[in-house]
Amino acid sequence: MKSKGFTLIEFIIVVTIVSTLSIIAIPVYKKYIEKAKTSQKGVLIEKTLN
């Protein structure tokens, strides 16, 4: 008899993998957003000076 669905161990492994990826991705994403905002501010300053 084969059951459908995940076992608890499989679920814990998936949660661990997703958590690890998010720990890596969130700081990278924040740096990307900050760099984009800084770049946008530079463009706006250039437009107002010209």
C-alpha atoms as a PDB file:
ATOM      1  CA  MET A   1       0.000   0.000   0.000  1.00  0.00           C
ATOM      2  CA  LYS A   2       1.594   3.228  -1.156  1.00  0.00           C
ATOM      3  CA  SER A   3       0.645   6.464   0.563  1.00  0.00           C
ATOM      4  CA  LYS A   4       0.510   9.827  -1.141  1.00  0.00           C
ATOM      5  CA  GLY A   5       2.134  12.971   0.165  1.00  0.00           C
ATOM      6  CA  PHE A   6       5.335  13.918   1.932  1.00  0.00           C
ATOM      7  CA  THR A   7       6.832  12.344   4.993  1.00  0.00           C
ATOM      8  CA  LEU A   8       7.887  14.563   7.864  1.00  0.00           C
ATOM      9  CA  ILE A   9      11.578  14.127   7.021  1.00  0.00           C
ATOM     10  CA  GLU A  10      11.014  15.167   3.400  1.00  0.00           C
ATOM     11  CA  PHE A  11       9.109  18.226   4.571  1.00  0.00           C
ATOM     12  CA  ILE A  12      11.870  19.215   7.007  1.00  0.00           C
ATOM     13  CA  ILE A  13      14.486  18.829   4.255  1.00  0.00           C
ATOM     14  CA  VAL A  14      12.490  21.041   1.885  1.00  0.00           C
ATOM     15  CA  VAL A  15      11.993  23.701   4.564  1.00  0.00           C
ATOM     16  CA  THR A  16      15.729  23.627   5.342  1.00  0.00           C
ATOM     17  CA  ILE A  17      16.663  24.052   1.672  1.00  0.00           C
ATOM     18  CA  VAL A  18      14.210  26.913   1.163  1.00  0.00           C
ATOM     19  CA  SER A  19      15.416  28.616   4.350  1.00  0.00           C
ATOM     20  CA  THR A  20      19.044  28.336   3.271  1.00  0.00           C
ATOM     21  CA  LEU A  21      18.288  29.772  -0.151  1.00  0.00           C
ATOM     22  CA  SER A  22      16.357  32.676   1.355  1.00  0.00           C
ATOM     23  CA  ILE A  23      19.172  33.424   3.808  1.00  0.00           C
ATOM     24  CA  ILE A  24      21.490  33.774   0.814  1.00  0.00           C
ATOM     25  CA  ALA A  25      19.068  35.546  -1.521  1.00  0.00           C
ATOM     26  CA  ILE A  26      17.618  38.253   0.743  1.00  0.00           C
ATOM     27  CA  PRO A  27      20.878  40.183   1.368  1.00  0.00           C
ATOM     28  CA  VAL A  28      21.760  39.968  -2.339  1.00  0.00           C
ATOM     29  CA  TYR A  29      18.308  41.275  -3.258  1.00  0.00           C
ATOM     30  CA  LYS A  30      18.604  44.150  -0.759  1.00  0.00           C
ATOM     31  CA  LYS A  31      21.967  45.166  -2.227  1.00  0.00           C
ATOM     32  CA  TYR A  32      20.474  45.052  -5.719  1.00  0.00           C
ATOM     33  CA  ILE A  33      17.544  47.268  -4.686  1.00  0.00           C
ATOM     34  CA  GLU A  34      19.827  49.762  -2.910  1.00  0.00           C
ATOM     35  CA  LYS A  35      22.107  49.948  -5.951  1.00  0.00           C
ATOM     36  CA  ALA A  36      19.117  50.550  -8.220  1.00  0.00           C
ATOM     37  CA  LYS A  37      17.815  53.335  -5.963  1.00  0.00           C
ATOM     38  CA  THR A  38      21.245  54.984  -5.843  1.00  0.00           C
ATOM     39  CA  SER A  39      21.535  54.787  -9.619  1.00  0.00           C
ATOM     40  CA  GLN A  40      18.066  56.280 -10.044  1.00  0.00           C
ATOM     41  CA  LYS A  41      18.928  59.163  -7.713  1.00  0.00           C
ATOM     42  CA  GLY A  42      22.052  59.882  -9.773  1.00  0.00           C
ATOM     43  CA  VAL A  43      20.017  60.012 -12.960  1.00  0.00           C
ATOM     44  CA  LEU A  44      17.511  62.400 -11.385  1.00  0.00           C
ATOM     45  CA  ILE A  45      20.306  64.681 -10.144  1.00  0.00           C
ATOM     46  CA  GLU A  46      21.874  64.757 -13.616  1.00  0.00           C
ATOM     47  CA  LYS A  47      18.526  65.618 -15.198  1.00  0.00           C
ATOM     48  CA  THR A  48      17.937  68.522 -12.807  1.00  0.00           C
ATOM     49  CA  LEU A  49      21.422  69.929 -13.315  1.00  0.00           C
ATOM     50  CA  ASN A  50      21.120  69.898 -17.113  1.00  0.00           C
END
